[in-house]
Protein backbone atom coordinates (compact mmCIF):
# COMPACT_ATOMS: atom_id res chain seq x y z
CA UNK A 1 24.04 -59.61 18.25
CA UNK A 2 26.18 -58.97 15.22
CA UNK A 3 29.94 -58.86 15.42
CA UNK A 4 30.07 -55.09 15.97
CA UNK A 5 26.71 -54.62 17.72
CA UNK A 6 26.45 -54.55 21.49
CA UNK A 7 23.22 -55.07 23.44
CA UNK A 8 22.94 -52.50 26.23
CA UNK A 9 20.50 -51.64 29.01
CA UNK A 10 20.12 -47.93 29.73
CA UNK A 11 18.74 -47.00 33.16
CA UNK A 12 17.67 -43.64 34.51
CA UNK A 13 19.34 -43.51 37.95
CA UNK A 14 16.56 -41.33 39.39
CA UNK A 15 13.50 -43.30 38.24
CA UNK A 16 15.11 -46.73 37.83
CA UNK A 17 13.37 -47.12 34.45
CA UNK A 18 15.42 -49.35 32.14
CA UNK A 19 15.35 -49.39 28.33
CA UNK A 20 17.00 -52.00 26.11
CA UNK A 21 19.19 -50.69 23.32
CA UNK A 22 21.78 -51.61 20.74
CA UNK A 23 25.15 -49.91 20.28
CA UNK A 24 25.73 -50.23 16.55
CA UNK A 25 29.31 -50.39 15.22
CA UNK A 26 30.83 -50.69 18.69
CA UNK A 27 34.62 -50.58 18.94
CA UNK A 28 35.24 -54.17 20.00
CA UNK A 29 38.68 -53.22 21.37
CA UNK A 30 36.93 -51.16 24.07
CA UNK A 31 33.52 -52.80 24.46
CA UNK A 32 32.22 -54.65 26.31
CA UNK A 33 34.14 -53.61 29.43
CA UNK A 34 32.63 -55.03 32.63
CA UNK A 35 34.50 -52.47 34.79
CA UNK A 36 32.45 -49.55 33.38
CA UNK A 37 29.43 -48.84 35.57
CA UNK A 38 28.15 -45.57 34.03
CA UNK A 39 28.15 -43.94 30.61
CA UNK A 40 26.69 -40.72 29.26
CA UNK A 41 24.49 -41.58 26.30
CA UNK A 42 22.54 -39.69 23.69
CA UNK A 43 19.73 -41.60 22.07
CA UNK A 44 16.66 -41.25 19.90
CA UNK A 45 13.53 -43.38 20.15
CA UNK A 46 12.53 -45.00 16.88
CA UNK A 47 10.29 -47.71 15.50
CA UNK A 48 12.22 -50.94 15.02
CA UNK A 49 11.25 -52.69 11.78
CA UNK A 50 13.27 -55.91 11.57
CA UNK A 51 12.31 -59.05 9.66
CA UNK A 52 8.69 -57.91 9.20
CA UNK A 53 8.23 -57.28 12.95
CA UNK A 54 7.48 -53.78 14.22
CA UNK A 55 8.34 -52.79 17.78
CA UNK A 56 8.78 -49.47 19.54
CA UNK A 57 12.44 -48.94 20.36
């Protein structure tokens, strides 16, 4: 990942379904922090168009 981008895995605790994500412009003074087990996140699904590849994200 880039210097201020953090790869994350978001998991629904009820279904166990996991989705990969990227935290753009992460505060590198706080993240990553291995002691954090849960976060509340707001997200939006989007089509990822990167280097001529298209993926659902």
